[in-house]
């Protein structure tokens, strides 16, 4: 009796698996016929992307002529416009941590958190910001010392405090 039950189970198992395979194949064929991913828009995008990928990364200039995009002023506006304001530096560099207090950073406008730091003086604050301190990474690659000073002044002012220097 056990042998007969085993055969019955195997036969039913094969029928179920076969039915699932046939269903999967039928659904795949239906999906392939209904979806045409090769639209004109897709072909155009693919061609543009291929052309972009084949463009050279840079160009070698052997003459003393100015590069066209630099002569027109493109790409160098930020560097030539002078130092950023304290608020700009904070928004671009510092706010990621100081807005939310990430990793113990004093929040912008939090007088209690800024007071002990202000007591250490501006030079210490600039040194910590420039070279890194505890969890804070060095910022001298992201801003000049003058911009760091302006950013510190701005954040301390937001807390209602003032720091000399």
C-alpha atoms as a PDB file:
ATOM      1  CA  UNK A   1       0.000   0.000   0.000  1.00  0.00           C
ATOM      2  CA  UNK A   2       2.870   2.359   0.769  1.00  0.00           C
ATOM      3  CA  UNK A   3       4.378   1.873  -2.674  1.00  0.00           C
ATOM      4  CA  UNK A   4       1.091   2.756  -4.327  1.00  0.00           C
ATOM      5  CA  UNK A   5       0.784   5.958  -2.246  1.00  0.00           C
ATOM      6  CA  UNK A   6       4.349   6.936  -3.161  1.00  0.00           C
ATOM      7  CA  UNK A   7       3.616   6.519  -6.879  1.00  0.00           C
ATOM      8  CA  UNK A   8       0.434   8.551  -6.525  1.00  0.00           C
ATOM      9  CA  UNK A   9       2.324  11.339  -4.701  1.00  0.00           C
ATOM     10  CA  UNK A  10       5.106  11.419  -7.321  1.00  0.00           C
ATOM     11  CA  UNK A  11       2.569  11.501 -10.178  1.00  0.00           C
ATOM     12  CA  UNK A  12       0.640  14.370  -8.533  1.00  0.00           C
ATOM     13  CA  UNK A  13       3.871  16.224  -7.770  1.00  0.00           C
ATOM     14  CA  UNK A  14       5.006  15.964 -11.412  1.00  0.00           C
ATOM     15  CA  UNK A  15       1.603  17.176 -12.634  1.00  0.00           C
ATOM     16  CA  UNK A  16       1.675  20.201 -10.304  1.00  0.00           C
ATOM     17  CA  UNK A  17       5.266  21.149 -11.225  1.00  0.00           C
ATOM     18  CA  UNK A  18       4.489  20.681 -14.922  1.00  0.00           C
ATOM     19  CA  UNK A  19       1.428  22.893 -14.585  1.00  0.00           C
ATOM     20  CA  UNK A  20       3.460  25.612 -12.882  1.00  0.00           C
ATOM     21  CA  UNK A  21       6.130  25.488 -15.602  1.00  0.00           C
ATOM     22  CA  UNK A  22       3.517  25.716 -18.372  1.00  0.00           C
ATOM     23  CA  UNK A  23       1.823  28.637 -16.577  1.00  0.00           C
ATOM     24  CA  UNK A  24       5.150  30.474 -16.196  1.00  0.00           C
ATOM     25  CA  UNK A  25       6.004  30.000 -19.879  1.00  0.00           C
ATOM     26  CA  UNK A  26       2.562  31.210 -20.993  1.00  0.00           C
ATOM     27  CA  UNK A  27       2.800  34.295 -18.745  1.00  0.00           C
ATOM     28  CA  UNK A  28       6.301  35.079 -20.056  1.00  0.00           C
ATOM     29  CA  UNK A  29       5.085  34.877 -23.658  1.00  0.00           C
ATOM     30  CA  UNK A  30       2.088  37.115 -22.901  1.00  0.00           C
ATOM     31  CA  UNK A  31       4.297  39.668 -21.133  1.00  0.00           C
ATOM     32  CA  UNK A  32       6.784  39.703 -24.021  1.00  0.00           C
ATOM     33  CA  UNK A  33       4.029  40.320 -26.567  1.00  0.00           C
ATOM     34  CA  UNK A  34       2.281  43.032 -24.573  1.00  0.00           C
ATOM     35  CA  UNK A  35       5.405  44.997 -23.611  1.00  0.00           C
ATOM     36  CA  UNK A  36       7.496  46.446 -26.393  1.00  0.00           C
ATOM     37  CA  UNK A  37      10.456  48.016 -24.603  1.00  0.00           C
ATOM     38  CA  UNK A  38      12.073  49.036 -27.869  1.00  0.00           C
ATOM     39  CA  UNK A  39      10.143  52.271 -28.418  1.00  0.00           C
ATOM     40  CA  UNK A  40      11.451  55.207 -30.433  1.00  0.00           C
ATOM     41  CA  UNK A  41      12.039  57.152 -27.222  1.00  0.00           C
ATOM     42  CA  UNK A  42      14.075  54.285 -25.770  1.00  0.00           C
ATOM     43  CA  UNK A  43      16.139  53.906 -28.978  1.00  0.00           C
ATOM     44  CA  UNK A  44      16.874  57.648 -29.000  1.00  0.00           C
ATOM     45  CA  UNK A  45      17.914  57.594 -25.341  1.00  0.00           C
ATOM     46  CA  UNK A  46      20.182  54.592 -25.955  1.00  0.00           C
ATOM     47  CA  UNK A  47      21.819  56.280 -28.956  1.00  0.00           C
ATOM     48  CA  UNK A  48      22.416  59.522 -27.015  1.00  0.00           C
ATOM     49  CA  UNK A  49      23.862  57.600 -24.077  1.00  0.00           C
ATOM     50  CA  UNK A  50      26.174  55.598 -26.341  1.00  0.00           C
ATOM     51  CA  UNK A  51      27.408  58.793 -28.029  1.00  0.00           C
ATOM     52  CA  UNK A  52      27.985  60.391 -24.629  1.00  0.00           C
ATOM     53  CA  UNK A  53      29.952  57.366 -23.417  1.00  0.00           C
ATOM     54  CA  UNK A  54      32.158  57.467 -26.519  1.00  0.00           C
ATOM     55  CA  UNK A  55      33.073  61.150 -26.160  1.00  0.00           C
ATOM     56  CA  UNK A  56      36.622  61.822 -24.979  1.00  0.00           C
ATOM     57  CA  UNK A  57      37.008  62.691 -21.314  1.00  0.00           C
ATOM     58  CA  UNK A  58      39.296  65.617 -21.999  1.00  0.00           C
ATOM     59  CA  UNK A  59      41.216  67.373 -24.728  1.00  0.00           C
ATOM     60  CA  UNK A  60      44.865  68.227 -25.152  1.00  0.00           C
ATOM     61  CA  UNK A  61      45.583  71.825 -26.078  1.00  0.00           C
ATOM     62  CA  UNK A  62      48.958  72.654 -27.505  1.00  0.00           C
ATOM     63  CA  UNK A  63      48.391  76.360 -28.080  1.00  0.00           C
ATOM     64  CA  UNK A  64      48.360  79.180 -25.579  1.00  0.00           C
ATOM     65  CA  UNK A  65      44.743  80.060 -26.297  1.00  0.00           C
ATOM     66  CA  UNK A  66      42.303  80.222 -23.426  1.00  0.00           C
ATOM     67  CA  UNK A  67      39.903  77.338 -23.075  1.00  0.00           C
ATOM     68  CA  UNK A  68      36.540  78.357 -24.565  1.00  0.00           C
ATOM     69  CA  UNK A  69      34.423  77.559 -21.491  1.00  0.00           C
ATOM     70  CA  UNK A  70      36.819  79.463 -19.218  1.00  0.00           C
ATOM     71  CA  UNK A  71      37.058  82.431 -21.561  1.00  0.00           C
ATOM     72  CA  UNK A  72      33.272  82.700 -21.443  1.00  0.00           C
ATOM     73  CA  UNK A  73      33.369  82.535 -17.653  1.00  0.00           C
ATOM     74  CA  UNK A  74      31.723  79.117 -17.347  1.00  0.00           C
ATOM     75  CA  UNK A  75      32.651  76.917 -14.428  1.00  0.00           C
ATOM     76  CA  UNK A  76      34.771  79.458 -12.559  1.00  0.00           C
ATOM     77  CA  UNK A  77      32.086  81.725 -11.127  1.00  0.00           C
ATOM     78  CA  UNK A  78      32.257  80.354  -7.594  1.00  0.00           C
ATOM     79  CA  UNK A  79      36.035  80.433  -7.383  1.00  0.00           C
ATOM     80  CA  UNK A  80      36.343  83.994  -8.674  1.00  0.00           C
ATOM     81  CA  UNK A  81      33.460  85.488  -6.707  1.00  0.00           C
ATOM     82  CA  UNK A  82      35.473  85.670  -3.487  1.00  0.00           C
ATOM     83  CA  UNK A  83      34.863  84.063  -0.127  1.00  0.00           C
ATOM     84  CA  UNK A  84      31.397  82.805   0.727  1.00  0.00           C
ATOM     85  CA  UNK A  85      29.412  84.291   3.567  1.00  0.00           C
ATOM     86  CA  UNK A  86      29.182  82.474   6.877  1.00  0.00           C
ATOM     87  CA  UNK A  87      25.594  81.454   6.195  1.00  0.00           C
ATOM     88  CA  UNK A  88      26.518  80.062   2.758  1.00  0.00           C
ATOM     89  CA  UNK A  89      29.356  77.991   4.223  1.00  0.00           C
ATOM     90  CA  UNK A  90      27.105  76.675   6.975  1.00  0.00           C
ATOM     91  CA  UNK A  91      24.394  75.714   4.476  1.00  0.00           C
ATOM     92  CA  UNK A  92      26.859  74.053   2.081  1.00  0.00           C
ATOM     93  CA  UNK A  93      29.309  72.424   4.494  1.00  0.00           C
ATOM     94  CA  UNK A  94      28.234  72.490   8.140  1.00  0.00           C
ATOM     95  CA  UNK A  95      24.457  72.082   8.185  1.00  0.00           C
ATOM     96  CA  UNK A  96      24.542  68.332   7.541  1.00  0.00           C
ATOM     97  CA  UNK A  97      25.671  67.775  11.139  1.00  0.00           C
ATOM     98  CA  UNK A  98      24.979  71.052  12.936  1.00  0.00           C
ATOM     99  CA  UNK A  99      21.328  71.267  11.822  1.00  0.00           C
ATOM    100  CA  UNK A 100      20.398  67.980  13.511  1.00  0.00           C
ATOM    101  CA  UNK A 101      23.146  67.627  16.115  1.00  0.00           C
ATOM    102  CA  UNK A 102      24.587  64.514  14.478  1.00  0.00           C
ATOM    103  CA  UNK A 103      27.373  62.813  16.478  1.00  0.00           C
ATOM    104  CA  UNK A 104      27.206  65.418  19.227  1.00  0.00           C
ATOM    105  CA  UNK A 105      27.650  68.477  17.002  1.00  0.00           C
ATOM    106  CA  UNK A 106      26.205  71.589  18.663  1.00  0.00           C
ATOM    107  CA  UNK A 107      22.946  72.467  16.940  1.00  0.00           C
ATOM    108  CA  UNK A 108      22.583  75.799  15.216  1.00  0.00           C
ATOM    109  CA  UNK A 109      20.839  78.148  17.663  1.00  0.00           C
ATOM    110  CA  UNK A 110      21.458  75.980  20.775  1.00  0.00           C
ATOM    111  CA  UNK A 111      22.926  78.440  23.293  1.00  0.00           C
ATOM    112  CA  UNK A 112      23.655  75.783  25.945  1.00  0.00           C
ATOM    113  CA  UNK A 113      25.638  73.646  23.503  1.00  0.00           C
ATOM    114  CA  UNK A 114      27.636  76.559  22.086  1.00  0.00           C
ATOM    115  CA  UNK A 115      28.514  78.343  25.379  1.00  0.00           C
ATOM    116  CA  UNK A 116      31.348  76.037  26.520  1.00  0.00           C
ATOM    117  CA  UNK A 117      32.791  76.033  23.019  1.00  0.00           C
ATOM    118  CA  UNK A 118      32.675  79.825  22.716  1.00  0.00           C
ATOM    119  CA  UNK A 119      34.510  80.075  26.052  1.00  0.00           C
ATOM    120  CA  UNK A 120      37.502  78.320  24.441  1.00  0.00           C
ATOM    121  CA  UNK A 121      37.908  81.181  21.969  1.00  0.00           C
ATOM    122  CA  UNK A 122      37.738  81.724  18.238  1.00  0.00           C
ATOM    123  CA  UNK A 123      41.218  80.355  17.494  1.00  0.00           C
ATOM    124  CA  UNK A 124      40.358  77.028  19.130  1.00  0.00           C
ATOM    125  CA  UNK A 125      37.052  76.823  17.262  1.00  0.00           C
ATOM    126  CA  UNK A 126      38.750  77.578  13.934  1.00  0.00           C
ATOM    127  CA  UNK A 127      41.474  75.017  14.673  1.00  0.00           C
ATOM    128  CA  UNK A 128      38.891  72.339  15.518  1.00  0.00           C
ATOM    129  CA  UNK A 129      36.860  73.117  12.401  1.00  0.00           C
ATOM    130  CA  UNK A 130      39.909  73.253  10.125  1.00  0.00           C
ATOM    131  CA  UNK A 131      41.736  70.180  11.392  1.00  0.00           C
ATOM    132  CA  UNK A 132      38.896  68.120  12.814  1.00  0.00           C
ATOM    133  CA  UNK A 133      37.991  67.398  16.414  1.00  0.00           C
ATOM    134  CA  UNK A 134      36.397  64.319  17.997  1.00  0.00           C
ATOM    135  CA  UNK A 135      33.744  63.186  15.469  1.00  0.00           C
ATOM    136  CA  UNK A 136      34.056  66.288  13.279  1.00  0.00           C
ATOM    137  CA  UNK A 137      36.110  65.757  10.110  1.00  0.00           C
ATOM    138  CA  UNK A 138      38.575  68.438   8.941  1.00  0.00           C
ATOM    139  CA  UNK A 139      36.856  71.150   6.906  1.00  0.00           C
ATOM    140  CA  UNK A 140      39.866  73.003   5.514  1.00  0.00           C
ATOM    141  CA  UNK A 141      39.381  71.221   2.178  1.00  0.00           C
ATOM    142  CA  UNK A 142      35.800  72.487   1.940  1.00  0.00           C
ATOM    143  CA  UNK A 143      36.329  76.086   3.035  1.00  0.00           C
ATOM    144  CA  UNK A 144      39.114  78.605   3.536  1.00  0.00           C
ATOM    145  CA  UNK A 145      40.093  79.710   7.041  1.00  0.00           C
ATOM    146  CA  UNK A 146      38.337  83.029   6.459  1.00  0.00           C
ATOM    147  CA  UNK A 147      35.143  81.217   5.416  1.00  0.00           C
ATOM    148  CA  UNK A 148      35.395  78.911   8.446  1.00  0.00           C
ATOM    149  CA  UNK A 149      35.671  81.970  10.728  1.00  0.00           C
ATOM    150  CA  UNK A 150      32.603  83.510   9.085  1.00  0.00           C
ATOM    151  CA  UNK A 151      30.672  80.252   9.467  1.00  0.00           C
ATOM    152  CA  UNK A 152      31.584  80.023  13.157  1.00  0.00           C
ATOM    153  CA  UNK A 153      30.545  83.651  13.702  1.00  0.00           C
ATOM    154  CA  UNK A 154      27.235  82.971  11.972  1.00  0.00           C
ATOM    155  CA  UNK A 155      26.456  79.815  14.001  1.00  0.00           C
ATOM    156  CA  UNK A 156      27.457  81.473  17.286  1.00  0.00           C
ATOM    157  CA  UNK A 157      25.305  84.506  16.417  1.00  0.00           C
ATOM    158  CA  UNK A 158      22.347  82.184  15.796  1.00  0.00           C
ATOM    159  CA  UNK A 159      22.778  80.928  19.365  1.00  0.00           C
ATOM    160  CA  UNK A 160      22.660  84.500  20.673  1.00  0.00           C
ATOM    161  CA  UNK A 161      26.327  84.498  21.690  1.00  0.00           C
ATOM    162  CA  UNK A 162      29.404  86.293  20.428  1.00  0.00           C
ATOM    163  CA  UNK A 163      32.971  85.157  20.109  1.00  0.00           C
ATOM    164  CA  UNK A 164      36.008  87.374  19.697  1.00  0.00           C
ATOM    165  CA  UNK A 165      38.425  87.078  16.775  1.00  0.00           C
END
